[in-house]
N, C-alpha and C. Protein backbone atom coordinates (compact mmCIF):
# COMPACT_ATOMS: atom_id res chain seq x y z
N MET A 1 -43.78 102.56 116.31
CA MET A 1 -45.17 102.25 116.10
C MET A 1 -45.68 103.11 114.96
N LEU A 2 -46.38 102.50 114.01
CA LEU A 2 -46.98 103.24 112.90
C LEU A 2 -48.30 103.84 113.33
N ILE A 3 -48.62 104.97 112.76
CA ILE A 3 -49.92 105.60 113.00
C ILE A 3 -50.72 105.44 111.72
N PHE A 4 -51.93 104.96 111.84
CA PHE A 4 -52.77 104.75 110.67
C PHE A 4 -53.86 105.81 110.65
N THR A 5 -54.05 106.47 109.54
CA THR A 5 -55.07 107.50 109.40
C THR A 5 -56.36 106.89 108.90
N MET A 6 -57.43 107.05 109.65
CA MET A 6 -58.72 106.50 109.25
C MET A 6 -59.33 107.41 108.19
N PRO A 7 -59.74 106.86 107.05
CA PRO A 7 -60.23 107.68 105.94
C PRO A 7 -61.41 108.58 106.26
N GLU A 8 -62.41 108.07 106.99
CA GLU A 8 -63.61 108.88 107.15
C GLU A 8 -63.45 110.03 108.12
N THR A 9 -62.46 110.00 108.98
CA THR A 9 -62.30 111.09 109.94
C THR A 9 -61.07 111.93 109.66
N SER A 10 -60.13 111.39 108.92
CA SER A 10 -58.88 112.07 108.61
C SER A 10 -58.12 112.46 109.87
N LYS A 11 -58.32 111.74 110.95
CA LYS A 11 -57.58 111.96 112.18
C LYS A 11 -56.68 110.76 112.42
N SER A 12 -55.45 111.01 112.88
CA SER A 12 -54.56 109.91 113.20
C SER A 12 -55.03 109.23 114.47
N THR A 13 -54.95 107.92 114.48
CA THR A 13 -55.34 107.14 115.65
C THR A 13 -54.11 106.41 116.15
N GLU A 14 -53.60 106.82 117.29
CA GLU A 14 -52.46 106.11 117.85
C GLU A 14 -52.97 104.88 118.56
N ILE A 15 -52.29 103.79 118.34
CA ILE A 15 -52.67 102.53 118.96
C ILE A 15 -52.11 102.51 120.38
N GLY A 16 -52.97 102.34 121.36
CA GLY A 16 -52.55 102.34 122.76
C GLY A 16 -51.92 101.02 123.17
N ASP A 17 -51.26 101.06 124.34
CA ASP A 17 -50.59 99.86 124.86
C ASP A 17 -51.56 98.70 125.06
N ASP A 18 -52.80 98.99 125.52
CA ASP A 18 -53.78 97.93 125.74
C ASP A 18 -54.12 97.23 124.43
N PHE A 19 -54.31 98.01 123.38
CA PHE A 19 -54.64 97.40 122.09
C PHE A 19 -53.45 96.62 121.55
N MET A 20 -52.24 97.13 121.76
CA MET A 20 -51.04 96.40 121.34
C MET A 20 -51.00 95.04 122.04
N ALA A 21 -51.31 95.02 123.33
CA ALA A 21 -51.31 93.76 124.08
C ALA A 21 -52.40 92.83 123.54
N GLN A 22 -53.57 93.38 123.18
CA GLN A 22 -54.63 92.56 122.61
C GLN A 22 -54.20 91.96 121.27
N MET A 23 -53.54 92.78 120.44
CA MET A 23 -53.08 92.26 119.14
C MET A 23 -52.10 91.12 119.33
N GLU A 24 -51.18 91.27 120.26
CA GLU A 24 -50.21 90.20 120.54
C GLU A 24 -50.93 88.95 121.04
N ALA A 25 -51.90 89.14 121.92
CA ALA A 25 -52.62 88.00 122.49
C ALA A 25 -53.45 87.25 121.44
N HIS A 26 -53.94 87.96 120.43
CA HIS A 26 -54.84 87.35 119.44
C HIS A 26 -54.17 87.01 118.11
N LYS A 27 -52.86 87.26 117.98
CA LYS A 27 -52.23 87.10 116.67
C LYS A 27 -52.22 85.66 116.16
N ASP A 28 -52.32 84.71 117.06
CA ASP A 28 -52.33 83.30 116.66
C ASP A 28 -53.53 82.56 117.25
N ASP A 29 -54.68 83.22 117.26
CA ASP A 29 -55.90 82.57 117.78
C ASP A 29 -56.16 81.27 117.04
N PRO A 30 -56.77 80.29 117.72
CA PRO A 30 -57.10 79.03 117.06
C PRO A 30 -58.03 79.28 115.87
N VAL A 31 -57.86 78.45 114.86
CA VAL A 31 -58.61 78.62 113.62
C VAL A 31 -59.52 77.43 113.41
N GLU A 32 -60.78 77.72 113.12
CA GLU A 32 -61.72 76.67 112.74
C GLU A 32 -62.58 77.22 111.61
N GLU A 33 -62.84 76.35 110.64
CA GLU A 33 -63.66 76.78 109.52
C GLU A 33 -65.05 77.16 110.02
N CYS A 34 -65.56 78.28 109.54
CA CYS A 34 -66.88 78.72 109.96
C CYS A 34 -67.48 79.62 108.89
N ARG A 35 -68.76 79.91 109.06
CA ARG A 35 -69.47 80.76 108.11
C ARG A 35 -69.22 82.23 108.39
N PHE A 36 -69.42 83.06 107.36
CA PHE A 36 -69.26 84.49 107.48
C PHE A 36 -70.20 85.07 108.53
N VAL A 37 -69.67 85.97 109.35
CA VAL A 37 -70.43 86.69 110.35
C VAL A 37 -70.16 88.18 110.12
N PRO A 38 -71.18 89.00 109.88
CA PRO A 38 -70.94 90.42 109.63
C PRO A 38 -70.22 91.12 110.78
N CYS A 39 -69.40 92.08 110.44
CA CYS A 39 -68.67 92.90 111.41
C CYS A 39 -68.51 94.28 110.77
N ASP A 40 -69.56 95.06 110.83
CA ASP A 40 -69.65 96.28 110.04
C ASP A 40 -69.34 97.54 110.86
N PHE A 41 -68.33 97.49 111.69
CA PHE A 41 -67.97 98.68 112.45
C PHE A 41 -66.46 98.88 112.43
N ARG A 42 -66.02 100.03 112.84
CA ARG A 42 -64.60 100.36 112.84
C ARG A 42 -64.09 100.58 114.27
N ARG A 43 -64.17 99.60 115.09
CA ARG A 43 -63.61 99.68 116.44
C ARG A 43 -62.28 98.96 116.41
N ILE A 44 -61.26 99.55 116.94
CA ILE A 44 -59.97 98.89 116.94
C ILE A 44 -59.73 98.21 118.29
N ASP A 45 -60.70 97.38 118.66
CA ASP A 45 -60.63 96.71 119.95
C ASP A 45 -61.35 95.37 119.83
N TYR A 46 -60.65 94.29 120.11
CA TYR A 46 -61.22 92.96 120.00
C TYR A 46 -62.40 92.76 120.95
N SER A 47 -62.42 93.49 122.06
CA SER A 47 -63.46 93.28 123.06
C SER A 47 -64.84 93.67 122.56
N HIS A 48 -64.94 94.41 121.47
CA HIS A 48 -66.24 94.78 120.91
C HIS A 48 -66.79 93.72 119.96
N MET A 49 -65.99 92.69 119.68
CA MET A 49 -66.43 91.65 118.75
C MET A 49 -67.10 90.52 119.53
N THR A 50 -68.11 89.93 118.90
CA THR A 50 -68.77 88.77 119.51
C THR A 50 -67.85 87.56 119.35
N PRO A 51 -68.09 86.50 120.12
CA PRO A 51 -67.29 85.28 119.93
C PRO A 51 -67.38 84.75 118.50
N GLU A 52 -68.55 84.86 117.88
CA GLU A 52 -68.72 84.40 116.49
C GLU A 52 -67.87 85.24 115.53
N GLN A 53 -67.85 86.55 115.75
CA GLN A 53 -67.02 87.43 114.92
C GLN A 53 -65.54 87.12 115.12
N MET A 54 -65.14 86.86 116.36
CA MET A 54 -63.74 86.53 116.63
C MET A 54 -63.34 85.24 115.92
N ARG A 55 -64.23 84.22 115.95
CA ARG A 55 -63.93 82.96 115.27
C ARG A 55 -63.80 83.18 113.77
N TYR A 56 -64.74 83.95 113.18
CA TYR A 56 -64.66 84.19 111.74
C TYR A 56 -63.42 85.02 111.40
N TYR A 57 -63.11 86.00 112.24
CA TYR A 57 -61.92 86.82 111.98
C TYR A 57 -60.66 85.95 111.95
N ALA A 58 -60.53 85.07 112.92
CA ALA A 58 -59.35 84.19 112.97
C ALA A 58 -59.29 83.31 111.72
N TYR A 59 -60.42 82.80 111.28
CA TYR A 59 -60.48 81.96 110.07
C TYR A 59 -60.16 82.80 108.83
N TRP A 60 -60.78 83.96 108.71
CA TRP A 60 -60.54 84.85 107.56
C TRP A 60 -59.07 85.26 107.49
N ARG A 61 -58.50 85.64 108.64
CA ARG A 61 -57.09 86.06 108.68
C ARG A 61 -56.18 84.89 108.29
N ASP A 62 -56.48 83.69 108.76
CA ASP A 62 -55.69 82.51 108.41
C ASP A 62 -55.73 82.27 106.90
N GLN A 63 -56.91 82.36 106.32
CA GLN A 63 -57.04 82.15 104.88
C GLN A 63 -56.33 83.26 104.10
N LEU A 64 -56.40 84.48 104.59
CA LEU A 64 -55.71 85.60 103.97
C LEU A 64 -54.20 85.36 103.98
N ARG A 65 -53.68 84.90 105.11
CA ARG A 65 -52.25 84.59 105.21
C ARG A 65 -51.84 83.50 104.22
N LYS A 66 -52.78 82.61 103.89
CA LYS A 66 -52.50 81.53 102.93
C LYS A 66 -52.74 81.96 101.49
N GLY A 67 -53.11 83.23 101.29
CA GLY A 67 -53.30 83.75 99.94
C GLY A 67 -54.70 83.57 99.38
N LYS A 68 -55.67 83.29 100.26
CA LYS A 68 -57.06 83.08 99.81
C LYS A 68 -57.93 84.22 100.30
N ALA A 69 -58.57 84.89 99.37
CA ALA A 69 -59.48 85.98 99.73
C ALA A 69 -60.85 85.41 100.05
N MET A 70 -61.46 85.93 101.09
CA MET A 70 -62.80 85.51 101.49
C MET A 70 -63.63 86.75 101.81
N LYS A 71 -64.92 86.56 101.94
CA LYS A 71 -65.83 87.66 102.26
C LYS A 71 -65.45 88.25 103.62
N ALA A 72 -65.48 89.60 103.68
CA ALA A 72 -65.19 90.29 104.94
C ALA A 72 -65.88 91.65 104.94
N ASP A 73 -66.17 92.14 106.13
CA ASP A 73 -66.74 93.47 106.30
C ASP A 73 -65.64 94.43 106.74
N LYS A 74 -65.99 95.72 106.81
CA LYS A 74 -64.97 96.72 107.12
C LYS A 74 -64.35 96.52 108.50
N GLY A 75 -65.07 95.96 109.45
CA GLY A 75 -64.47 95.70 110.77
C GLY A 75 -63.27 94.76 110.67
N TYR A 76 -63.40 93.72 109.85
CA TYR A 76 -62.30 92.77 109.67
C TYR A 76 -61.14 93.41 108.91
N PHE A 77 -61.45 94.17 107.85
CA PHE A 77 -60.40 94.85 107.10
C PHE A 77 -59.64 95.81 108.01
N PHE A 78 -60.38 96.59 108.78
CA PHE A 78 -59.73 97.58 109.62
C PHE A 78 -58.84 96.93 110.67
N LEU A 79 -59.34 95.89 111.32
CA LEU A 79 -58.56 95.21 112.36
C LEU A 79 -57.29 94.61 111.77
N ARG A 80 -57.40 93.99 110.60
CA ARG A 80 -56.21 93.38 109.98
C ARG A 80 -55.20 94.44 109.58
N MET A 81 -55.66 95.58 109.08
CA MET A 81 -54.73 96.66 108.73
C MET A 81 -53.99 97.15 109.98
N CYS A 82 -54.70 97.26 111.11
CA CYS A 82 -54.06 97.67 112.36
C CYS A 82 -53.00 96.65 112.78
N GLU A 83 -53.34 95.37 112.68
CA GLU A 83 -52.38 94.33 113.04
C GLU A 83 -51.14 94.40 112.15
N LEU A 84 -51.35 94.50 110.84
CA LEU A 84 -50.21 94.53 109.91
C LEU A 84 -49.34 95.75 110.12
N ALA A 85 -49.94 96.86 110.55
CA ALA A 85 -49.17 98.08 110.78
C ALA A 85 -48.38 98.03 112.07
N ASN A 86 -48.80 97.21 113.03
CA ASN A 86 -48.21 97.28 114.36
C ASN A 86 -47.58 96.01 114.89
N ILE A 87 -47.88 94.87 114.32
CA ILE A 87 -47.31 93.61 114.78
C ILE A 87 -46.37 93.11 113.68
N PRO A 88 -45.09 92.95 114.00
CA PRO A 88 -44.15 92.50 112.96
C PRO A 88 -44.59 91.17 112.34
N GLU A 89 -44.59 91.14 111.04
CA GLU A 89 -44.93 89.95 110.28
C GLU A 89 -44.05 89.98 109.04
N ASP A 90 -43.79 88.85 108.45
CA ASP A 90 -43.00 88.79 107.24
C ASP A 90 -43.51 89.83 106.24
N ALA A 91 -42.60 90.69 105.75
CA ALA A 91 -43.00 91.78 104.85
C ALA A 91 -43.66 91.25 103.59
N GLU A 92 -43.13 90.18 103.02
CA GLU A 92 -43.71 89.62 101.79
C GLU A 92 -45.15 89.18 102.03
N SER A 93 -45.37 88.49 103.15
CA SER A 93 -46.72 88.03 103.48
C SER A 93 -47.64 89.21 103.74
N ALA A 94 -47.17 90.20 104.49
CA ALA A 94 -48.00 91.36 104.81
C ALA A 94 -48.40 92.10 103.53
N LEU A 95 -47.46 92.31 102.63
CA LEU A 95 -47.77 93.02 101.39
C LEU A 95 -48.73 92.21 100.51
N ALA A 96 -48.55 90.90 100.47
CA ALA A 96 -49.46 90.06 99.69
C ALA A 96 -50.88 90.12 100.28
N GLN A 97 -50.99 90.10 101.62
CA GLN A 97 -52.31 90.19 102.25
C GLN A 97 -52.98 91.52 101.94
N ILE A 98 -52.22 92.60 101.98
CA ILE A 98 -52.79 93.91 101.66
C ILE A 98 -53.23 93.94 100.21
N GLY A 99 -52.45 93.32 99.33
CA GLY A 99 -52.85 93.24 97.92
C GLY A 99 -54.17 92.51 97.75
N LEU A 100 -54.33 91.39 98.46
CA LEU A 100 -55.60 90.65 98.41
C LEU A 100 -56.75 91.48 98.96
N MET A 101 -56.52 92.12 100.10
CA MET A 101 -57.58 92.92 100.69
C MET A 101 -57.98 94.07 99.77
N SER A 102 -57.02 94.68 99.10
CA SER A 102 -57.34 95.83 98.24
C SER A 102 -58.22 95.42 97.07
N ARG A 103 -58.11 94.17 96.63
CA ARG A 103 -58.95 93.70 95.52
C ARG A 103 -60.35 93.31 96.00
N GLU A 104 -60.48 92.88 97.25
CA GLU A 104 -61.75 92.40 97.77
C GLU A 104 -62.57 93.48 98.48
N ASP A 105 -61.91 94.49 98.97
CA ASP A 105 -62.56 95.52 99.78
C ASP A 105 -63.38 96.47 98.91
N GLU A 106 -64.66 96.56 99.22
CA GLU A 106 -65.53 97.49 98.50
C GLU A 106 -66.06 98.59 99.41
N VAL A 107 -65.74 98.55 100.71
CA VAL A 107 -66.35 99.50 101.62
C VAL A 107 -65.39 100.17 102.61
N ALA A 108 -64.35 99.52 103.03
CA ALA A 108 -63.57 100.03 104.16
C ALA A 108 -62.52 101.08 103.78
N PHE A 109 -61.71 100.78 102.78
CA PHE A 109 -60.59 101.65 102.46
C PHE A 109 -60.52 101.92 100.96
N SER A 110 -59.88 103.01 100.60
CA SER A 110 -59.67 103.34 99.19
C SER A 110 -58.36 102.72 98.73
N PRO A 111 -58.14 102.63 97.42
CA PRO A 111 -56.84 102.14 96.92
C PRO A 111 -55.67 102.96 97.47
N ASP A 112 -55.87 104.25 97.66
CA ASP A 112 -54.80 105.09 98.21
C ASP A 112 -54.46 104.70 99.65
N ASP A 113 -55.47 104.31 100.44
CA ASP A 113 -55.22 103.87 101.82
C ASP A 113 -54.36 102.61 101.82
N TYR A 114 -54.69 101.68 100.93
CA TYR A 114 -53.90 100.45 100.83
C TYR A 114 -52.49 100.77 100.34
N ALA A 115 -52.37 101.66 99.38
CA ALA A 115 -51.06 102.03 98.85
C ALA A 115 -50.19 102.65 99.95
N GLU A 116 -50.79 103.50 100.77
CA GLU A 116 -50.06 104.13 101.86
C GLU A 116 -49.54 103.08 102.84
N MET A 117 -50.41 102.11 103.19
CA MET A 117 -50.00 101.06 104.12
C MET A 117 -48.89 100.21 103.53
N MET A 118 -49.01 99.87 102.24
CA MET A 118 -47.98 99.07 101.59
C MET A 118 -46.64 99.81 101.58
N PHE A 119 -46.70 101.08 101.28
CA PHE A 119 -45.50 101.89 101.24
C PHE A 119 -44.86 101.94 102.63
N ASP A 120 -45.67 102.15 103.69
CA ASP A 120 -45.14 102.19 105.05
C ASP A 120 -44.46 100.88 105.42
N ILE A 121 -45.09 99.76 105.11
CA ILE A 121 -44.50 98.46 105.44
C ILE A 121 -43.21 98.24 104.64
N ALA A 122 -43.24 98.59 103.37
CA ALA A 122 -42.04 98.42 102.54
C ALA A 122 -40.88 99.26 103.07
N VAL A 123 -41.14 100.49 103.46
CA VAL A 123 -40.09 101.38 103.95
C VAL A 123 -39.58 100.92 105.32
N THR A 124 -40.50 100.62 106.25
CA THR A 124 -40.07 100.26 107.60
C THR A 124 -39.38 98.90 107.65
N GLN A 125 -39.71 98.01 106.70
CA GLN A 125 -39.10 96.68 106.72
C GLN A 125 -38.09 96.47 105.60
N GLY A 126 -37.80 97.52 104.85
CA GLY A 126 -36.81 97.42 103.78
C GLY A 126 -37.20 96.48 102.66
N ALA A 127 -38.49 96.37 102.39
CA ALA A 127 -38.98 95.46 101.36
C ALA A 127 -39.16 96.19 100.04
N ARG A 128 -39.11 95.44 98.95
CA ARG A 128 -39.38 96.00 97.63
C ARG A 128 -40.80 95.66 97.23
N LEU A 129 -41.57 96.67 96.91
CA LEU A 129 -42.96 96.44 96.55
C LEU A 129 -43.12 95.73 95.21
N GLY A 130 -42.33 96.10 94.24
CA GLY A 130 -42.53 95.62 92.88
C GLY A 130 -42.49 94.12 92.72
N ASP A 131 -41.70 93.42 93.50
CA ASP A 131 -41.53 91.99 93.33
C ASP A 131 -42.36 91.14 94.28
N MET A 132 -43.13 91.75 95.16
CA MET A 132 -43.65 91.00 96.29
C MET A 132 -45.07 90.49 96.19
N MET A 133 -45.90 91.01 95.34
CA MET A 133 -47.29 90.63 95.40
C MET A 133 -47.96 90.73 94.05
N PRO A 134 -49.11 90.11 93.93
CA PRO A 134 -49.83 90.18 92.66
C PRO A 134 -50.29 91.61 92.39
N TYR A 135 -50.62 91.87 91.13
CA TYR A 135 -51.08 93.20 90.74
C TYR A 135 -52.34 93.59 91.50
N SER A 136 -52.39 94.83 91.90
CA SER A 136 -53.59 95.42 92.48
C SER A 136 -53.51 96.92 92.25
N PRO A 137 -54.63 97.61 92.25
CA PRO A 137 -54.58 99.07 92.10
C PRO A 137 -53.74 99.73 93.18
N ALA A 138 -53.78 99.18 94.40
CA ALA A 138 -53.01 99.76 95.50
C ALA A 138 -51.51 99.58 95.25
N LYS A 139 -51.11 98.43 94.72
CA LYS A 139 -49.70 98.20 94.43
C LYS A 139 -49.22 99.20 93.38
N GLU A 140 -50.01 99.38 92.35
CA GLU A 140 -49.62 100.31 91.30
C GLU A 140 -49.45 101.73 91.86
N ALA A 141 -50.40 102.17 92.69
CA ALA A 141 -50.32 103.50 93.28
C ALA A 141 -49.11 103.62 94.22
N ALA A 142 -48.84 102.58 94.99
CA ALA A 142 -47.69 102.61 95.90
C ALA A 142 -46.39 102.65 95.15
N CYS A 143 -46.29 101.88 94.08
CA CYS A 143 -45.06 101.88 93.28
C CYS A 143 -44.80 103.24 92.64
N ARG A 144 -45.86 103.94 92.26
CA ARG A 144 -45.69 105.28 91.71
C ARG A 144 -45.15 106.22 92.76
N GLY A 145 -45.46 105.95 94.05
CA GLY A 145 -45.03 106.83 95.13
C GLY A 145 -43.58 106.64 95.53
N ILE A 146 -42.93 105.59 95.06
CA ILE A 146 -41.54 105.34 95.43
C ILE A 146 -40.60 106.11 94.53
């Protein structure tokens, strides 16, 4: 299990078994097109989200997996980063999603946070960063770290 360090507190947050079970249960939630719903908090628990936020999150995540960036708040960015760090997903897709998020995110994480996550996924899954995703500041920083 990867540990993700939250930027504003600089404390490691270990993902508990309950949250792991929630991530597994929600990884393929039904998707329906819907309007943006704000989610401006950093709780790593689906139970704190409203049904409207859950619907938008599932739609946003689906579009992200398809390579389309959409509007999102830090709650969505944080939840997706937790999922990518802890639920196995194709490394190429995960790195591409992080690349998209790093270009769209203006509030949740710094380029260094994205670079760290990309590096962790590349190392744990034996992936090569250089060939896997479009240019982003986080990719450049991660490649320098290898």
